[in-house]
Amino acid sequence: MIQREGEGWRLAWDGSRQPFSVLIAGEGWAAELSEFEASALRDAVAELVAQHQGLMDQLMEEEAIELELERDPWWLALEGDRQSWSLRVVLTPALGQRALEGSWSAAAARPFTQALQQLFGQP
């Protein structure tokens, strides 16, 4: 079992809880994901954060930016500036399955995404 949390976020993984073994949470909400959904979220978040990193040198100190990424089954938006950003996610699964929408504040988004990248033993 892996469990990490901080102010405004929480991430947990328990392989014995199938099919929804991963818990993600923000301020006032939580949802359980399958390992496929969590892996897809991890990969999409990594891509979105890399896009933001690639644009940092082009942004002025006070300039704000919003980046969006859609990668099945997720839609993500990163909004902020060079120093901090918030993250919003929407799960749009196959017909007849559950959906969710969640977000992390600028204070919680970076530590949550860092913990998410370590899920399942990934660097």
PDB file of N, CA and C in Angstrom:
ATOM      1  N   MET A   1       0.838  -1.180   0.000  1.00  0.00           N
ATOM      2  CA  MET A   1       0.000   0.000   0.000  1.00  0.00           C
ATOM      3  C   MET A   1       0.884   1.244   0.000  1.00  0.00           C
ATOM      4  N   ILE A   2       0.513   2.195  -0.822  1.00  0.00           N
ATOM      5  CA  ILE A   2       1.192   3.479  -0.890  1.00  0.00           C
ATOM      6  C   ILE A   2       0.171   4.544  -0.528  1.00  0.00           C
ATOM      7  N   GLN A   3       0.556   5.451   0.358  1.00  0.00           N
ATOM      8  CA  GLN A   3      -0.345   6.553   0.704  1.00  0.00           C
ATOM      9  C   GLN A   3       0.485   7.810   0.906  1.00  0.00           C
ATOM     10  N   ARG A   4       0.121   8.843   0.155  1.00  0.00           N
ATOM     11  CA  ARG A   4       0.785  10.137   0.282  1.00  0.00           C
ATOM     12  C   ARG A   4      -0.288  11.204   0.337  1.00  0.00           C
ATOM     13  N   GLU A   5      -0.017  12.242   1.095  1.00  0.00           N
ATOM     14  CA  GLU A   5      -0.973  13.336   1.153  1.00  0.00           C
ATOM     15  C   GLU A   5      -0.297  14.606   1.610  1.00  0.00           C
ATOM     16  N   GLY A   6      -0.936  15.692   1.305  1.00  0.00           N
ATOM     17  CA  GLY A   6      -0.474  17.012   1.710  1.00  0.00           C
ATOM     18  C   GLY A   6      -1.676  17.925   1.786  1.00  0.00           C
ATOM     19  N   GLU A   7      -1.423  19.192   1.999  1.00  0.00           N
ATOM     20  CA  GLU A   7      -2.524  20.140   2.117  1.00  0.00           C
ATOM     21  C   GLU A   7      -3.257  20.262   0.782  1.00  0.00           C
ATOM     22  N   GLY A   8      -4.516  19.824   0.756  1.00  0.00           N
ATOM     23  CA  GLY A   8      -5.349  19.935  -0.429  1.00  0.00           C
ATOM     24  C   GLY A   8      -5.228  18.792  -1.421  1.00  0.00           C
ATOM     25  N   TRP A   9      -4.510  17.712  -1.077  1.00  0.00           N
ATOM     26  CA  TRP A   9      -4.410  16.568  -1.982  1.00  0.00           C
ATOM     27  C   TRP A   9      -4.136  15.279  -1.211  1.00  0.00           C
ATOM     28  N   ARG A  10      -4.467  14.179  -1.884  1.00  0.00           N
ATOM     29  CA  ARG A  10      -4.210  12.847  -1.325  1.00  0.00           C
ATOM     30  C   ARG A  10      -4.109  11.870  -2.472  1.00  0.00           C
ATOM     31  N   LEU A  11      -3.228  10.870  -2.329  1.00  0.00           N
ATOM     32  CA  LEU A  11      -3.039   9.828  -3.320  1.00  0.00           C
ATOM     33  C   LEU A  11      -2.765   8.532  -2.579  1.00  0.00           C
ATOM     34  N   ALA A  12      -3.490   7.489  -2.928  1.00  0.00           N
ATOM     35  CA  ALA A  12      -3.273   6.192  -2.284  1.00  0.00           C
ATOM     36  C   ALA A  12      -3.422   5.082  -3.317  1.00  0.00           C
ATOM     37  N   TRP A  13      -2.666   4.010  -3.119  1.00  0.00           N
ATOM     38  CA  TRP A  13      -2.750   2.836  -3.975  1.00  0.00           C
ATOM     39  C   TRP A  13      -2.725   1.596  -3.100  1.00  0.00           C
ATOM     40  N   ASP A  14      -3.699   0.721  -3.318  1.00  0.00           N
ATOM     41  CA  ASP A  14      -3.787  -0.554  -2.605  1.00  0.00           C
ATOM     42  C   ASP A  14      -4.142  -1.608  -3.647  1.00  0.00           C
ATOM     43  N   GLY A  15      -3.149  -2.377  -4.073  1.00  0.00           N
ATOM     44  CA  GLY A  15      -3.327  -3.376  -5.119  1.00  0.00           C
ATOM     45  C   GLY A  15      -4.351  -4.449  -4.799  1.00  0.00           C
ATOM     46  N   SER A  16      -4.689  -4.616  -3.518  1.00  0.00           N
ATOM     47  CA  SER A  16      -5.685  -5.631  -3.156  1.00  0.00           C
ATOM     48  C   SER A  16      -7.113  -5.146  -3.386  1.00  0.00           C
ATOM     49  N   ARG A  17      -7.290  -3.863  -3.632  1.00  0.00           N
ATOM     50  CA  ARG A  17      -8.636  -3.299  -3.854  1.00  0.00           C
ATOM     51  C   ARG A  17      -8.896  -3.188  -5.349  1.00  0.00           C
ATOM     52  N   GLN A  18      -9.404  -4.228  -5.929  1.00  0.00           N
ATOM     53  CA  GLN A  18      -9.675  -4.250  -7.369  1.00  0.00           C
ATOM     54  C   GLN A  18     -11.173  -4.129  -7.624  1.00  0.00           C
ATOM     55  N   PRO A  19     -11.615  -3.506  -8.668  1.00  0.00           N
ATOM     56  CA  PRO A  19     -10.788  -2.950  -9.748  1.00  0.00           C
ATOM     57  C   PRO A  19     -10.351  -1.508  -9.502  1.00  0.00           C
ATOM     58  N   PHE A  20     -10.784  -0.883  -8.416  1.00  0.00           N
ATOM     59  CA  PHE A  20     -10.469   0.523  -8.173  1.00  0.00           C
ATOM     60  C   PHE A  20      -9.444   0.630  -7.050  1.00  0.00           C
ATOM     61  N   SER A  21      -8.186   0.463  -7.397  1.00  0.00           N
ATOM     62  CA  SER A  21      -7.120   0.371  -6.401  1.00  0.00           C
ATOM     63  C   SER A  21      -6.424   1.693  -6.108  1.00  0.00           C
ATOM     64  N   VAL A  22      -6.736   2.739  -6.851  1.00  0.00           N
ATOM     65  CA  VAL A  22      -6.065   4.025  -6.678  1.00  0.00           C
ATOM     66  C   VAL A  22      -7.084   5.073  -6.236  1.00  0.00           C
ATOM     67  N   LEU A  23      -6.736   5.811  -5.197  1.00  0.00           N
ATOM     68  CA  LEU A  23      -7.565   6.903  -4.705  1.00  0.00           C
ATOM     69  C   LEU A  23      -6.849   8.213  -5.002  1.00  0.00           C
ATOM     70  N   ILE A  24      -7.553   9.141  -5.643  1.00  0.00           N
ATOM     71  CA  ILE A  24      -7.052  10.499  -5.805  1.00  0.00           C
ATOM     72  C   ILE A  24      -8.034  11.422  -5.108  1.00  0.00           C
ATOM     73  N   ALA A  25      -7.515  12.513  -4.549  1.00  0.00           N
ATOM     74  CA  ALA A  25      -8.405  13.422  -3.827  1.00  0.00           C
ATOM     75  C   ALA A  25      -7.846  14.826  -3.863  1.00  0.00           C
ATOM     76  N   GLY A  26      -8.770  15.773  -3.823  1.00  0.00           N
ATOM     77  CA  GLY A  26      -8.446  17.184  -3.710  1.00  0.00           C
ATOM     78  C   GLY A  26      -9.230  17.755  -2.548  1.00  0.00           C
ATOM     79  N   GLU A  27      -9.293  19.055  -2.475  1.00  0.00           N
ATOM     80  CA  GLU A  27     -10.016  19.716  -1.386  1.00  0.00           C
ATOM     81  C   GLU A  27     -11.512  19.436  -1.502  1.00  0.00           C
ATOM     82  N   GLY A  28     -12.059  18.624  -0.589  1.00  0.00           N
ATOM     83  CA  GLY A  28     -13.482  18.359  -0.547  1.00  0.00           C
ATOM     84  C   GLY A  28     -14.000  17.299  -1.499  1.00  0.00           C
ATOM     85  N   TRP A  29     -13.135  16.537  -2.139  1.00  0.00           N
ATOM     86  CA  TRP A  29     -13.592  15.480  -3.054  1.00  0.00           C
ATOM     87  C   TRP A  29     -12.560  14.351  -3.093  1.00  0.00           C
ATOM     88  N   ALA A  30     -13.021  13.169  -3.474  1.00  0.00           N
ATOM     89  CA  ALA A  30     -12.146  12.006  -3.654  1.00  0.00           C
ATOM     90  C   ALA A  30     -12.800  11.072  -4.657  1.00  0.00           C
ATOM     91  N   ALA A  31     -11.978  10.280  -5.354  1.00  0.00           N
ATOM     92  CA  ALA A  31     -12.491   9.304  -6.311  1.00  0.00           C
ATOM     93  C   ALA A  31     -11.528   8.135  -6.389  1.00  0.00           C
ATOM     94  N   GLU A  32     -12.087   6.972  -6.642  1.00  0.00           N
ATOM     95  CA  GLU A  32     -11.274   5.774  -6.839  1.00  0.00           C
ATOM     96  C   GLU A  32     -11.148   5.500  -8.329  1.00  0.00           C
ATOM     97  N   LEU A  33      -9.927   5.136  -8.744  1.00  0.00           N
ATOM     98  CA  LEU A  33      -9.634   4.862 -10.144  1.00  0.00           C
ATOM     99  C   LEU A  33      -9.130   3.444 -10.317  1.00  0.00           C
ATOM    100  N   SER A  34      -9.308   2.904 -11.505  1.00  0.00           N
ATOM    101  CA  SER A  34      -8.656   1.646 -11.846  1.00  0.00           C
ATOM    102  C   SER A  34      -7.177   1.948 -12.108  1.00  0.00           C
ATOM    103  N   GLU A  35      -6.347   0.915 -12.134  1.00  0.00           N
ATOM    104  CA  GLU A  35      -4.934   1.139 -12.408  1.00  0.00           C
ATOM    105  C   GLU A  35      -4.740   1.678 -13.827  1.00  0.00           C
ATOM    106  N   PHE A  36      -5.556   1.242 -14.778  1.00  0.00           N
ATOM    107  CA  PHE A  36      -5.472   1.775 -16.137  1.00  0.00           C
ATOM    108  C   PHE A  36      -5.757   3.272 -16.140  1.00  0.00           C
ATOM    109  N   GLU A  37      -6.833   3.690 -15.457  1.00  0.00           N
ATOM    110  CA  GLU A  37      -7.185   5.111 -15.400  1.00  0.00           C
ATOM    111  C   GLU A  37      -6.089   5.923 -14.719  1.00  0.00           C
ATOM    112  N   ALA A  38      -5.541   5.388 -13.632  1.00  0.00           N
ATOM    113  CA  ALA A  38      -4.483   6.092 -12.906  1.00  0.00           C
ATOM    114  C   ALA A  38      -3.216   6.201 -13.743  1.00  0.00           C
ATOM    115  N   SER A  39      -2.861   5.138 -14.449  1.00  0.00           N
ATOM    116  CA  SER A  39      -1.677   5.179 -15.315  1.00  0.00           C
ATOM    117  C   SER A  39      -1.855   6.182 -16.443  1.00  0.00           C
ATOM    118  N   ALA A  40      -3.044   6.197 -17.035  1.00  0.00           N
ATOM    119  CA  ALA A  40      -3.329   7.153 -18.107  1.00  0.00           C
ATOM    120  C   ALA A  40      -3.279   8.582 -17.570  1.00  0.00           C
ATOM    121  N   LEU A  41      -3.784   8.812 -16.354  1.00  0.00           N
ATOM    122  CA  LEU A  41      -3.726  10.125 -15.737  1.00  0.00           C
ATOM    123  C   LEU A  41      -2.280  10.517 -15.477  1.00  0.00           C
ATOM    124  N   ARG A  42      -1.500   9.607 -14.923  1.00  0.00           N
ATOM    125  CA  ARG A  42      -0.091   9.879 -14.650  1.00  0.00           C
ATOM    126  C   ARG A  42       0.640  10.308 -15.921  1.00  0.00           C
ATOM    127  N   ASP A  43       0.435   9.572 -17.009  1.00  0.00           N
ATOM    128  CA  ASP A  43       1.122   9.880 -18.268  1.00  0.00           C
ATOM    129  C   ASP A  43       0.659  11.215 -18.857  1.00  0.00           C
ATOM    130  N   ALA A  44      -0.640  11.486 -18.798  1.00  0.00           N
ATOM    131  CA  ALA A  44      -1.173  12.739 -19.334  1.00  0.00           C
ATOM    132  C   ALA A  44      -0.684  13.935 -18.516  1.00  0.00           C
ATOM    133  N   VAL A  45      -0.668  13.795 -17.196  1.00  0.00           N
ATOM    134  CA  VAL A  45      -0.172  14.878 -16.336  1.00  0.00           C
ATOM    135  C   VAL A  45       1.304  15.138 -16.635  1.00  0.00           C
ATOM    136  N   ALA A  46       2.086  14.086 -16.801  1.00  0.00           N
ATOM    137  CA  ALA A  46       3.509  14.260 -17.108  1.00  0.00           C
ATOM    138  C   ALA A  46       3.691  15.034 -18.410  1.00  0.00           C
ATOM    139  N   GLU A  47       2.885  14.729 -19.414  1.00  0.00           N
ATOM    140  CA  GLU A  47       2.977  15.433 -20.689  1.00  0.00           C
ATOM    141  C   GLU A  47       2.588  16.903 -20.542  1.00  0.00           C
ATOM    142  N   LEU A  48       1.524  17.171 -19.807  1.00  0.00           N
ATOM    143  CA  LEU A  48       1.063  18.544 -19.620  1.00  0.00           C
ATOM    144  C   LEU A  48       2.085  19.371 -18.834  1.00  0.00           C
ATOM    145  N   VAL A  49       2.647  18.798 -17.789  1.00  0.00           N
ATOM    146  CA  VAL A  49       3.666  19.496 -16.998  1.00  0.00           C
ATOM    147  C   VAL A  49       4.912  19.745 -17.850  1.00  0.00           C
ATOM    148  N   ALA A  50       5.278  18.793 -18.692  1.00  0.00           N
ATOM    149  CA  ALA A  50       6.427  18.983 -19.589  1.00  0.00           C
ATOM    150  C   ALA A  50       6.166  20.112 -20.578  1.00  0.00           C
ATOM    151  N   GLN A  51       4.948  20.219 -21.078  1.00  0.00           N
ATOM    152  CA  GLN A  51       4.595  21.331 -21.970  1.00  0.00           C
ATOM    153  C   GLN A  51       4.758  22.664 -21.235  1.00  0.00           C
ATOM    154  N   HIS A  52       4.291  22.722 -20.003  1.00  0.00           N
ATOM    155  CA  HIS A  52       4.428  23.939 -19.203  1.00  0.00           C
ATOM    156  C   HIS A  52       5.899  24.272 -18.990  1.00  0.00           C
ATOM    157  N   GLN A  53       6.688  23.283 -18.630  1.00  0.00           N
ATOM    158  CA  GLN A  53       8.128  23.499 -18.428  1.00  0.00           C
ATOM    159  C   GLN A  53       8.780  24.047 -19.693  1.00  0.00           C
ATOM    160  N   GLY A  54       8.375  23.528 -20.850  1.00  0.00           N
ATOM    161  CA  GLY A  54       8.932  23.962 -22.114  1.00  0.00           C
ATOM    162  C   GLY A  54       8.603  25.404 -22.467  1.00  0.00           C
ATOM    163  N   LEU A  55       7.520  25.926 -21.910  1.00  0.00           N
ATOM    164  CA  LEU A  55       7.096  27.298 -22.195  1.00  0.00           C
ATOM    165  C   LEU A  55       7.563  28.310 -21.151  1.00  0.00           C
ATOM    166  N   MET A  56       8.123  27.849 -20.046  1.00  0.00           N
ATOM    167  CA  MET A  56       8.458  28.755 -18.940  1.00  0.00           C
ATOM    168  C   MET A  56       9.402  29.875 -19.361  1.00  0.00           C
ATOM    169  N   ASP A  57      10.392  29.593 -20.194  1.00  0.00           N
ATOM    170  CA  ASP A  57      11.338  30.627 -20.609  1.00  0.00           C
ATOM    171  C   ASP A  57      10.686  31.672 -21.511  1.00  0.00           C
ATOM    172  N   GLN A  58       9.554  31.334 -22.108  1.00  0.00           N
ATOM    173  CA  GLN A  58       8.875  32.254 -23.004  1.00  0.00           C
ATOM    174  C   GLN A  58       7.867  33.148 -22.279  1.00  0.00           C
ATOM    175  N   LEU A  59       7.552  32.799 -21.036  1.00  0.00           N
ATOM    176  CA  LEU A  59       6.566  33.570 -20.270  1.00  0.00           C
ATOM    177  C   LEU A  59       7.238  34.676 -19.474  1.00  0.00           C
ATOM    178  N   MET A  60       6.606  35.843 -19.478  1.00  0.00           N
ATOM    179  CA  MET A  60       7.062  36.917 -18.601  1.00  0.00           C
ATOM    180  C   MET A  60       6.656  36.557 -17.176  1.00  0.00           C
ATOM    181  N   GLU A  61       7.297  37.163 -16.203  1.00  0.00           N
ATOM    182  CA  GLU A  61       7.091  36.821 -14.796  1.00  0.00           C
ATOM    183  C   GLU A  61       5.622  36.834 -14.385  1.00  0.00           C
ATOM    184  N   GLU A  62       4.869  37.844 -14.797  1.00  0.00           N
ATOM    185  CA  GLU A  62       3.468  37.971 -14.381  1.00  0.00           C
ATOM    186  C   GLU A  62       2.483  37.402 -15.395  1.00  0.00           C
ATOM    187  N   GLU A  63       2.970  36.846 -16.481  1.00  0.00           N
ATOM    188  CA  GLU A  63       2.088  36.338 -17.543  1.00  0.00           C
ATOM    189  C   GLU A  63       1.443  35.008 -17.149  1.00  0.00           C
ATOM    190  N   ALA A  64       0.143  34.905 -17.383  1.00  0.00           N
ATOM    191  CA  ALA A  64      -0.608  33.690 -17.068  1.00  0.00           C
ATOM    192  C   ALA A  64      -0.796  32.867 -18.342  1.00  0.00           C
ATOM    193  N   ILE A  65      -0.974  31.566 -18.146  1.00  0.00           N
ATOM    194  CA  ILE A  65      -1.154  30.659 -19.274  1.00  0.00           C
ATOM    195  C   ILE A  65      -2.140  29.568 -18.873  1.00  0.00           C
ATOM    196  N   GLU A  66      -2.861  29.062 -19.852  1.00  0.00           N
ATOM    197  CA  GLU A  66      -3.705  27.883 -19.642  1.00  0.00           C
ATOM    198  C   GLU A  66      -3.401  26.885 -20.737  1.00  0.00           C
ATOM    199  N   LEU A  67      -3.069  25.670 -20.324  1.00  0.00           N
ATOM    200  CA  LEU A  67      -2.790  24.589 -21.261  1.00  0.00           C
ATOM    201  C   LEU A  67      -3.836  23.502 -21.070  1.00  0.00           C
ATOM    202  N   GLU A  68      -4.286  22.925 -22.163  1.00  0.00           N
ATOM    203  CA  GLU A  68      -5.248  21.828 -22.107  1.00  0.00           C
ATOM    204  C   GLU A  68      -4.679  20.636 -22.856  1.00  0.00           C
ATOM    205  N   LEU A  69      -5.058  19.454 -22.398  1.00  0.00           N
ATOM    206  CA  LEU A  69      -4.628  18.209 -23.042  1.00  0.00           C
ATOM    207  C   LEU A  69      -5.773  17.215 -22.954  1.00  0.00           C
ATOM    208  N   GLU A  70      -6.039  16.557 -24.050  1.00  0.00           N
ATOM    209  CA  GLU A  70      -7.043  15.503 -24.059  1.00  0.00           C
ATOM    210  C   GLU A  70      -6.365  14.214 -24.501  1.00  0.00           C
ATOM    211  N   ARG A  71      -6.401  13.239 -23.599  1.00  0.00           N
ATOM    212  CA  ARG A  71      -5.845  11.928 -23.890  1.00  0.00           C
ATOM    213  C   ARG A  71      -6.763  10.912 -23.229  1.00  0.00           C
ATOM    214  N   ASP A  72      -7.447  10.130 -24.065  1.00  0.00           N
ATOM    215  CA  ASP A  72      -8.439   9.175 -23.554  1.00  0.00           C
ATOM    216  C   ASP A  72      -7.919   8.406 -22.356  1.00  0.00           C
ATOM    217  N   PRO A  73      -8.681   8.310 -21.308  1.00  0.00           N
ATOM    218  CA  PRO A  73     -10.042   8.822 -21.093  1.00  0.00           C
ATOM    219  C   PRO A  73     -10.067  10.170 -20.363  1.00  0.00           C
ATOM    220  N   TRP A  74      -8.956  10.929 -20.394  1.00  0.00           N
ATOM    221  CA  TRP A  74      -8.825  12.138 -19.585  1.00  0.00           C
ATOM    222  C   TRP A  74      -8.802  13.416 -20.412  1.00  0.00           C
ATOM    223  N   TRP A  75      -9.337  14.481 -19.817  1.00  0.00           N
ATOM    224  CA  TRP A  75      -9.130  15.848 -20.275  1.00  0.00           C
ATOM    225  C   TRP A  75      -8.519  16.583 -19.096  1.00  0.00           C
ATOM    226  N   LEU A  76      -7.458  17.360 -19.349  1.00  0.00           N
ATOM    227  CA  LEU A  76      -6.756  18.065 -18.283  1.00  0.00           C
ATOM    228  C   LEU A  76      -6.540  19.514 -18.663  1.00  0.00           C
ATOM    229  N   ALA A  77      -6.487  20.373 -17.658  1.00  0.00           N
ATOM    230  CA  ALA A  77      -6.160  21.782 -17.860  1.00  0.00           C
ATOM    231  C   ALA A  77      -5.218  22.229 -16.751  1.00  0.00           C
ATOM    232  N   LEU A  78      -4.156  22.887 -17.149  1.00  0.00           N
ATOM    233  CA  LEU A  78      -3.195  23.476 -16.231  1.00  0.00           C
ATOM    234  C   LEU A  78      -3.299  24.989 -16.414  1.00  0.00           C
ATOM    235  N   GLU A  79      -3.505  25.713 -15.321  1.00  0.00           N
ATOM    236  CA  GLU A  79      -3.683  27.162 -15.403  1.00  0.00           C
ATOM    237  C   GLU A  79      -2.835  27.836 -14.341  1.00  0.00           C
ATOM    238  N   GLY A  80      -2.021  28.796 -14.780  1.00  0.00           N
ATOM    239  CA  GLY A  80      -1.188  29.517 -13.823  1.00  0.00           C
ATOM    240  C   GLY A  80      -0.145  30.363 -14.511  1.00  0.00           C
ATOM    241  N   ASP A  81       0.991  30.516 -13.839  1.00  0.00           N
ATOM    242  CA  ASP A  81       2.074  31.312 -14.372  1.00  0.00           C
ATOM    243  C   ASP A  81       3.370  30.515 -14.294  1.00  0.00           C
ATOM    244  N   ARG A  82       4.491  31.206 -14.342  1.00  0.00           N
ATOM    245  CA  ARG A  82       5.784  30.509 -14.313  1.00  0.00           C
ATOM    246  C   ARG A  82       6.012  29.788 -12.996  1.00  0.00           C
ATOM    247  N   GLN A  83       5.531  30.350 -11.908  1.00  0.00           N
ATOM    248  CA  GLN A  83       5.850  29.836 -10.580  1.00  0.00           C
ATOM    249  C   GLN A  83       4.863  28.797 -10.048  1.00  0.00           C
ATOM    250  N   SER A  84       3.586  28.996 -10.313  1.00  0.00           N
ATOM    251  CA  SER A  84       2.590  28.080  -9.744  1.00  0.00           C
ATOM    252  C   SER A  84       1.425  27.928 -10.704  1.00  0.00           C
ATOM    253  N   TRP A  85       0.726  26.814 -10.555  1.00  0.00           N
ATOM    254  CA  TRP A  85      -0.396  26.515 -11.435  1.00  0.00           C
ATOM    255  C   TRP A  85      -1.353  25.562 -10.740  1.00  0.00           C
ATOM    256  N   SER A  86      -2.607  25.642 -11.169  1.00  0.00           N
ATOM    257  CA  SER A  86      -3.629  24.717 -10.684  1.00  0.00           C
ATOM    258  C   SER A  86      -3.858  23.661 -11.758  1.00  0.00           C
ATOM    259  N   LEU A  87      -4.502  22.583 -11.364  1.00  0.00           N
ATOM    260  CA  LEU A  87      -4.745  21.474 -12.286  1.00  0.00           C
ATOM    261  C   LEU A  87      -6.196  21.044 -12.167  1.00  0.00           C
ATOM    262  N   ARG A  88      -6.833  20.830 -13.320  1.00  0.00           N
ATOM    263  CA  ARG A  88      -8.209  20.327 -13.351  1.00  0.00           C
ATOM    264  C   ARG A  88      -8.233  19.118 -14.258  1.00  0.00           C
ATOM    265  N   VAL A  89      -8.976  18.080 -13.851  1.00  0.00           N
ATOM    266  CA  VAL A  89      -9.069  16.854 -14.635  1.00  0.00           C
ATOM    267  C   VAL A  89     -10.520  16.436 -14.775  1.00  0.00           C
ATOM    268  N   VAL A  90     -10.823  15.808 -15.916  1.00  0.00           N
ATOM    269  CA  VAL A  90     -12.151  15.255 -16.165  1.00  0.00           C
ATOM    270  C   VAL A  90     -11.950  13.870 -16.753  1.00  0.00           C
ATOM    271  N   LEU A  91     -12.576  12.880 -16.134  1.00  0.00           N
ATOM    272  CA  LEU A  91     -12.573  11.510 -16.650  1.00  0.00           C
ATOM    273  C   LEU A  91     -13.855  11.296 -17.435  1.00  0.00           C
ATOM    274  N   THR A  92     -13.707  10.967 -18.710  1.00  0.00           N
ATOM    275  CA  THR A  92     -14.869  10.669 -19.550  1.00  0.00           C
ATOM    276  C   THR A  92     -14.694   9.243 -20.060  1.00  0.00           C
ATOM    277  N   PRO A  93     -15.215   8.284 -19.332  1.00  0.00           N
ATOM    278  CA  PRO A  93     -15.012   6.878 -19.663  1.00  0.00           C
ATOM    279  C   PRO A  93     -15.986   6.376 -20.726  1.00  0.00           C
ATOM    280  N   ALA A  94     -15.885   5.104 -20.989  1.00  0.00           N
ATOM    281  CA  ALA A  94     -16.757   4.452 -21.959  1.00  0.00           C
ATOM    282  C   ALA A  94     -18.218   4.536 -21.511  1.00  0.00           C
ATOM    283  N   LEU A  95     -19.112   4.347 -22.478  1.00  0.00           N
ATOM    284  CA  LEU A  95     -20.545   4.392 -22.226  1.00  0.00           C
ATOM    285  C   LEU A  95     -20.926   3.458 -21.078  1.00  0.00           C
ATOM    286  N   GLY A  96     -21.728   3.962 -20.165  1.00  0.00           N
ATOM    287  CA  GLY A  96     -22.203   3.156 -19.046  1.00  0.00           C
ATOM    288  C   GLY A  96     -21.271   3.120 -17.854  1.00  0.00           C
ATOM    289  N   GLN A  97     -20.130   3.791 -17.929  1.00  0.00           N
ATOM    290  CA  GLN A  97     -19.185   3.826 -16.818  1.00  0.00           C
ATOM    291  C   GLN A  97     -19.292   5.163 -16.093  1.00  0.00           C
ATOM    292  N   ARG A  98     -18.669   5.259 -14.926  1.00  0.00           N
ATOM    293  CA  ARG A  98     -18.723   6.484 -14.140  1.00  0.00           C
ATOM    294  C   ARG A  98     -17.794   7.537 -14.725  1.00  0.00           C
ATOM    295  N   ALA A  99     -18.038   8.769 -14.353  1.00  0.00           N
ATOM    296  CA  ALA A  99     -17.209   9.897 -14.773  1.00  0.00           C
ATOM    297  C   ALA A  99     -16.855  10.702 -13.528  1.00  0.00           C
ATOM    298  N   LEU A 100     -15.865  11.578 -13.648  1.00  0.00           N
ATOM    299  CA  LEU A 100     -15.533  12.429 -12.518  1.00  0.00           C
ATOM    300  C   LEU A 100     -14.860  13.691 -13.008  1.00  0.00           C
ATOM    301  N   GLU A 101     -14.937  14.701 -12.166  1.00  0.00           N
ATOM    302  CA  GLU A 101     -14.226  15.949 -12.397  1.00  0.00           C
ATOM    303  C   GLU A 101     -13.612  16.361 -11.074  1.00  0.00           C
ATOM    304  N   GLY A 102     -12.357  16.770 -11.108  1.00  0.00           N
ATOM    305  CA  GLY A 102     -11.679  17.186  -9.891  1.00  0.00           C
ATOM    306  C   GLY A 102     -10.635  18.233 -10.199  1.00  0.00           C
ATOM    307  N   SER A 103     -10.157  18.879  -9.142  1.00  0.00           N
ATOM    308  CA  SER A 103      -9.135  19.904  -9.335  1.00  0.00           C
ATOM    309  C   SER A 103      -8.265  20.015  -8.092  1.00  0.00           C
ATOM    310  N   TRP A 104      -7.074  20.592  -8.307  1.00  0.00           N
ATOM    311  CA  TRP A 104      -6.134  20.865  -7.238  1.00  0.00           C
ATOM    312  C   TRP A 104      -5.720  22.317  -7.339  1.00  0.00           C
ATOM    313  N   SER A 105      -5.667  22.991  -6.217  1.00  0.00           N
ATOM    314  CA  SER A 105      -5.276  24.393  -6.161  1.00  0.00           C
ATOM    315  C   SER A 105      -3.807  24.548  -6.548  1.00  0.00           C
ATOM    316  N   ALA A 106      -3.395  25.782  -6.722  1.00  0.00           N
ATOM    317  CA  ALA A 106      -1.990  26.050  -7.050  1.00  0.00           C
ATOM    318  C   ALA A 106      -1.058  25.515  -5.959  1.00  0.00           C
ATOM    319  N   ALA A 107      -1.484  25.541  -4.712  1.00  0.00           N
ATOM    320  CA  ALA A 107      -0.648  25.029  -3.625  1.00  0.00           C
ATOM    321  C   ALA A 107      -0.552  23.508  -3.631  1.00  0.00           C
ATOM    322  N   ALA A 108      -1.583  22.825  -4.123  1.00  0.00           N
ATOM    323  CA  ALA A 108      -1.634  21.367  -4.073  1.00  0.00           C
ATOM    324  C   ALA A 108      -1.231  20.688  -5.378  1.00  0.00           C
ATOM    325  N   ALA A 109      -1.345  21.370  -6.499  1.00  0.00           N
ATOM    326  CA  ALA A 109      -1.163  20.727  -7.803  1.00  0.00           C
ATOM    327  C   ALA A 109       0.238  20.152  -7.994  1.00  0.00           C
ATOM    328  N   ARG A 110       1.261  20.925  -7.718  1.00  0.00           N
ATOM    329  CA  ARG A 110       2.629  20.438  -7.948  1.00  0.00           C
ATOM    330  C   ARG A 110       2.970  19.237  -7.060  1.00  0.00           C
ATOM    331  N   PRO A 111       2.722  19.285  -5.742  1.00  0.00           N
ATOM    332  CA  PRO A 111       3.044  18.101  -4.936  1.00  0.00           C
ATOM    333  C   PRO A 111       2.207  16.874  -5.325  1.00  0.00           C
ATOM    334  N   PHE A 112       0.943  17.088  -5.711  1.00  0.00           N
ATOM    335  CA  PHE A 112       0.133  15.956  -6.155  1.00  0.00           C
ATOM    336  C   PHE A 112       0.726  15.336  -7.410  1.00  0.00           C
ATOM    337  N   THR A 113       1.088  16.163  -8.385  1.00  0.00           N
ATOM    338  CA  THR A 113       1.616  15.616  -9.638  1.00  0.00           C
ATOM    339  C   THR A 113       2.953  14.922  -9.418  1.00  0.00           C
ATOM    340  N   GLN A 114       3.766  15.425  -8.504  1.00  0.00           N
ATOM    341  CA  GLN A 114       5.036  14.765  -8.196  1.00  0.00           C
ATOM    342  C   GLN A 114       4.798  13.388  -7.572  1.00  0.00           C
ATOM    343  N   ALA A 115       3.843  13.303  -6.664  1.00  0.00           N
ATOM    344  CA  ALA A 115       3.518  12.008  -6.039  1.00  0.00           C
ATOM    345  C   ALA A 115       2.928  11.061  -7.078  1.00  0.00           C
ATOM    346  N   LEU A 116       2.101  11.578  -7.972  1.00  0.00           N
ATOM    347  CA  LEU A 116       1.477  10.749  -9.009  1.00  0.00           C
ATOM    348  C   LEU A 116       2.527  10.139  -9.925  1.00  0.00           C
ATOM    349  N   GLN A 117       3.595  10.878 -10.226  1.00  0.00           N
ATOM    350  CA  GLN A 117       4.648  10.357 -11.094  1.00  0.00           C
ATOM    351  C   GLN A 117       5.383   9.178 -10.457  1.00  0.00           C
ATOM    352  N   GLN A 118       5.342   9.067  -9.153  1.00  0.00           N
ATOM    353  CA  GLN A 118       6.007   7.971  -8.451  1.00  0.00           C
ATOM    354  C   GLN A 118       5.113   6.748  -8.282  1.00  0.00           C
ATOM    355  N   LEU A 119       3.856   6.863  -8.674  1.00  0.00           N
ATOM    356  CA  LEU A 119       2.913   5.761  -8.534  1.00  0.00           C
ATOM    357  C   LEU A 119       3.351   4.578  -9.387  1.00  0.00           C
ATOM    358  N   PHE A 120       3.209   3.385  -8.877  1.00  0.00           N
ATOM    359  CA  PHE A 120       3.576   2.131  -9.554  1.00  0.00           C
ATOM    360  C   PHE A 120       5.083   2.053  -9.812  1.00  0.00           C
ATOM    361  N   GLY A 121       5.860   2.695  -8.965  1.00  0.00           N
ATOM    362  CA  GLY A 121       7.310   2.586  -9.074  1.00  0.00           C
ATOM    363  C   GLY A 121       7.922   3.376 -10.218  1.00  0.00           C
ATOM    364  N   GLN A 122       7.183   4.315 -10.788  1.00  0.00           N
ATOM    365  CA  GLN A 122       7.729   5.151 -11.856  1.00  0.00           C
ATOM    366  C   GLN A 122       8.563   6.269 -11.249  1.00  0.00           C
ATOM    367  N   PRO A 123       9.599   6.735 -11.985  1.00  0.00           N
ATOM    368  CA  PRO A 123      10.423   7.836 -11.460  1.00  0.00           C
ATOM    369  C   PRO A 123       9.674   9.144 -11.423  1.00  0.00           C
TER     370      PRO A 123
END
